[in-house]
C-alpha atoms as a PDB file:
ATOM      1  CA  MET A   1       0.127   0.275   0.228  1.00  0.00           C
ATOM      2  CA  MET A   2       2.934   2.538   0.913  1.00  0.00           C
ATOM      3  CA  ASP A   3       4.451   2.089  -2.865  1.00  0.00           C
ATOM      4  CA  LEU A   4       1.143   3.380  -3.942  1.00  0.00           C
ATOM      5  CA  LEU A   5       1.434   6.333  -1.716  1.00  0.00           C
ATOM      6  CA  ASP A   6       4.916   6.832  -3.061  1.00  0.00           C
ATOM      7  CA  TYR A   7       4.829   9.438  -5.223  1.00  0.00           C
ATOM      8  CA  ALA A   8       8.269   8.893  -7.346  1.00  0.00           C
ATOM      9  CA  ILE A   9       7.154   5.383  -7.889  1.00  0.00           C
ATOM     10  CA  SER A  10       3.490   5.080  -7.719  1.00  0.00           C
ATOM     11  CA  PRO A  11       1.276   4.160 -10.989  1.00  0.00           C
ATOM     12  CA  LEU A  12      -1.275   6.310  -9.124  1.00  0.00           C
ATOM     13  CA  ASN A  13       1.188   9.626 -10.308  1.00  0.00           C
ATOM     14  CA  PRO A  14       1.249   9.625 -14.077  1.00  0.00           C
ATOM     15  CA  ALA A  15      -2.546   8.009 -14.274  1.00  0.00           C
ATOM     16  CA  LEU A  16      -3.816  10.895 -12.450  1.00  0.00           C
ATOM     17  CA  LYS A  17      -2.031  13.216 -14.464  1.00  0.00           C
ATOM     18  CA  ILE A  18      -3.617  12.106 -17.427  1.00  0.00           C
ATOM     19  CA  ILE A  19      -7.038  11.796 -16.382  1.00  0.00           C
ATOM     20  CA  THR A  20      -6.756  15.345 -15.123  1.00  0.00           C
ATOM     21  CA  PHE A  21      -5.159  16.210 -18.566  1.00  0.00           C
ATOM     22  CA  LEU A  22      -8.461  14.120 -20.103  1.00  0.00           C
ATOM     23  CA  LEU A  23     -10.551  15.707 -18.279  1.00  0.00           C
ATOM     24  CA  PHE A  24      -9.535  19.907 -18.812  1.00  0.00           C
ATOM     25  CA  ALA A  25      -9.419  18.762 -22.410  1.00  0.00           C
ATOM     26  CA  ALA A  26     -13.338  17.591 -22.556  1.00  0.00           C
ATOM     27  CA  VAL A  27     -14.306  20.342 -20.776  1.00  0.00           C
ATOM     28  CA  PHE A  28     -12.401  22.282 -23.412  1.00  0.00           C
ATOM     29  CA  LEU A  29     -14.030  20.676 -26.063  1.00  0.00           C
ATOM     30  CA  ILE A  30     -17.751  20.890 -24.404  1.00  0.00           C
ATOM     31  CA  TYR A  31     -17.212  24.944 -23.735  1.00  0.00           C
ATOM     32  CA  LEU A  32     -15.621  25.425 -27.375  1.00  0.00           C
ATOM     33  CA  ASP A  33     -19.074  22.967 -28.851  1.00  0.00           C
ATOM     34  CA  THR A  34     -21.342  25.175 -26.296  1.00  0.00           C
ATOM     35  CA  ARG A  35     -20.252  28.180 -28.176  1.00  0.00           C
ATOM     36  CA  LYS A  36     -22.595  27.644 -30.835  1.00  0.00           C
ATOM     37  CA  TYR A  37     -25.234  27.423 -29.475  1.00  0.00           C
ATOM     38  CA  PHE A  38     -25.199  30.645 -27.972  1.00  0.00           C
ATOM     39  CA  GLY A  39     -24.817  34.581 -28.773  1.00  0.00           C
ATOM     40  CA  GLY A  40     -24.236  37.662 -27.348  1.00  0.00           C
ATOM     41  CA  ASN A  41     -23.096  38.117 -23.474  1.00  0.00           C
ATOM     42  CA  VAL A  42     -23.698  34.350 -23.036  1.00  0.00           C
ATOM     43  CA  LYS A  43     -21.222  33.426 -25.732  1.00  0.00           C
ATOM     44  CA  SER A  44     -18.809  36.188 -24.469  1.00  0.00           C
ATOM     45  CA  PHE A  45     -19.022  34.492 -20.915  1.00  0.00           C
ATOM     46  CA  ILE A  46     -18.540  30.711 -22.467  1.00  0.00           C
ATOM     47  CA  ASP A  47     -15.099  32.348 -24.499  1.00  0.00           C
ATOM     48  CA  PHE A  48     -13.701  33.261 -21.011  1.00  0.00           C
ATOM     49  CA  LEU A  49     -14.379  30.055 -19.805  1.00  0.00           C
ATOM     50  CA  CYS A  50     -13.470  27.939 -23.059  1.00  0.00           C
ATOM     51  CA  LEU A  51      -9.926  30.242 -22.702  1.00  0.00           C
ATOM     52  CA  PHE A  52      -9.721  29.380 -19.016  1.00  0.00           C
ATOM     53  CA  ALA A  53     -10.138  24.929 -20.070  1.00  0.00           C
ATOM     54  CA  LEU A  54      -7.281  25.650 -22.445  1.00  0.00           C
ATOM     55  CA  PHE A  55      -4.772  27.006 -20.186  1.00  0.00           C
ATOM     56  CA  MET A  56      -5.636  24.364 -17.702  1.00  0.00           C
ATOM     57  CA  THR A  57      -5.848  21.762 -20.218  1.00  0.00           C
ATOM     58  CA  MET A  58      -1.797  23.097 -21.033  1.00  0.00           C
ATOM     59  CA  GLY A  59      -0.915  23.070 -18.014  1.00  0.00           C
ATOM     60  CA  SER A  60      -2.261  19.537 -16.996  1.00  0.00           C
ATOM     61  CA  LEU A  61      -0.091  18.626 -20.301  1.00  0.00           C
ATOM     62  CA  LEU A  62       3.070  20.222 -18.728  1.00  0.00           C
ATOM     63  CA  ARG A  63       2.336  18.864 -15.290  1.00  0.00           C
ATOM     64  CA  TYR A  64       3.019  15.341 -16.736  1.00  0.00           C
ATOM     65  CA  PHE A  65       6.234  16.038 -18.282  1.00  0.00           C
ATOM     66  CA  GLY A  66       7.633  17.830 -15.247  1.00  0.00           C
ATOM     67  CA  ASP A  67      10.643  19.908 -15.165  1.00  0.00           C
ATOM     68  CA  GLY A  68      11.082  18.805 -18.993  1.00  0.00           C
ATOM     69  CA  THR A  69      14.963  17.749 -18.163  1.00  0.00           C
ATOM     70  CA  ASP A  70      14.312  14.902 -20.145  1.00  0.00           C
ATOM     71  CA  PHE A  71      14.528  16.850 -23.515  1.00  0.00           C
ATOM     72  CA  GLY A  72      16.248  19.912 -23.363  1.00  0.00           C
ATOM     73  CA  PHE A  73      15.310  22.237 -20.136  1.00  0.00           C
ATOM     74  CA  THR A  74      17.305  22.305 -17.119  1.00  0.00           C
ATOM     75  CA  SER A  75      16.217  22.575 -13.588  1.00  0.00           C
ATOM     76  CA  ALA A  76      16.446  26.206 -13.373  1.00  0.00           C
ATOM     77  CA  TYR A  77      14.763  26.769 -16.493  1.00  0.00           C
ATOM     78  CA  SER A  78      12.186  24.265 -16.687  1.00  0.00           C
ATOM     79  CA  LEU A  79       8.714  23.647 -17.873  1.00  0.00           C
ATOM     80  CA  ARG A  80       7.522  24.285 -14.575  1.00  0.00           C
ATOM     81  CA  TRP A  81       7.361  28.187 -15.303  1.00  0.00           C
ATOM     82  CA  VAL A  82       5.604  27.513 -18.110  1.00  0.00           C
ATOM     83  CA  GLN A  83       3.268  25.375 -16.251  1.00  0.00           C
ATOM     84  CA  SER A  84       2.948  28.019 -13.712  1.00  0.00           C
ATOM     85  CA  ILE A  85       2.276  31.120 -16.143  1.00  0.00           C
ATOM     86  CA  CYS A  86      -0.512  28.982 -18.041  1.00  0.00           C
ATOM     87  CA  TYR A  87      -1.941  28.135 -14.368  1.00  0.00           C
ATOM     88  CA  LEU A  88      -1.786  31.913 -13.626  1.00  0.00           C
ATOM     89  CA  PHE A  89      -3.586  32.628 -16.902  1.00  0.00           C
ATOM     90  CA  ALA A  90      -6.172  30.538 -16.262  1.00  0.00           C
ATOM     91  CA  GLY A  91      -6.734  31.933 -13.012  1.00  0.00           C
ATOM     92  CA  VAL A  92      -7.217  35.311 -14.963  1.00  0.00           C
ATOM     93  CA  PHE A  93      -9.329  33.986 -17.342  1.00  0.00           C
ATOM     94  CA  TYR A  94     -12.111  32.161 -14.682  1.00  0.00           C
ATOM     95  CA  ILE A  95     -11.879  35.508 -12.633  1.00  0.00           C
ATOM     96  CA  ILE A  96     -13.268  37.438 -15.606  1.00  0.00           C
ATOM     97  CA  ALA A  97     -15.771  34.640 -16.487  1.00  0.00           C
ATOM     98  CA  ALA A  98     -17.235  34.995 -12.744  1.00  0.00           C
ATOM     99  CA  LYS A  99     -17.381  38.930 -13.227  1.00  0.00           C
ATOM    100  CA  LYS A 100     -19.035  38.541 -16.843  1.00  0.00           C
ATOM    101  CA  LEU A 101     -21.725  35.892 -15.017  1.00  0.00           C
ATOM    102  CA  ARG A 102     -22.105  38.687 -11.978  1.00  0.00           C
ATOM    103  CA  THR A 103     -22.967  41.314 -15.043  1.00  0.00           C
ATOM    104  CA  LEU A 104     -24.828  38.647 -17.236  1.00  0.00           C
ATOM    105  CA  PHE A 105     -28.105  39.079 -16.274  1.00  0.00           C
ATOM    106  CA  PRO A 106     -28.511  43.033 -15.350  1.00  0.00           C
ATOM    107  CA  GLY A 107     -31.872  42.582 -13.577  1.00  0.00           C
ATOM    108  CA  VAL A 108     -31.199  40.154 -11.184  1.00  0.00           C
ATOM    109  CA  LYS A 109     -30.211  40.577  -7.737  1.00  0.00           C
ATOM    110  CA  SER A 110     -28.659  38.478  -5.131  1.00  0.00           C
END
C-alpha cells in the first residue's frame, strides 16, 4: 500500500496526471461546442470559460512532463515556469468569467 502512495514510484502519479489532462481537454471541447448555441453576452462568458479550460489543459499537459529535463530543459529553466504561467492565465480568465457572469443578467439581484 505504501508503494501506491509513494509519489516517485506510484502508478497513480502518471495516471492521475493523464486523467486530469483528459478531463480538462473534455471540458474545453464541451465549452467549444456549447459556444455555437449562444450569442451575445452568454457566448462571451463561455469564451472566457473556454480560455480557462484551454490554459488548464495546457498546464496539466505540462505537469505530466514535469521539469522537461528529459528533452532539453534544465532545472533552472524548466517547464514548471510555463506550467505556472498557464495556471496563472487560467485563473485570470476564470475571474473574468466570474465577473462576466455577475453582469450577465443585470436585472437579477442576489
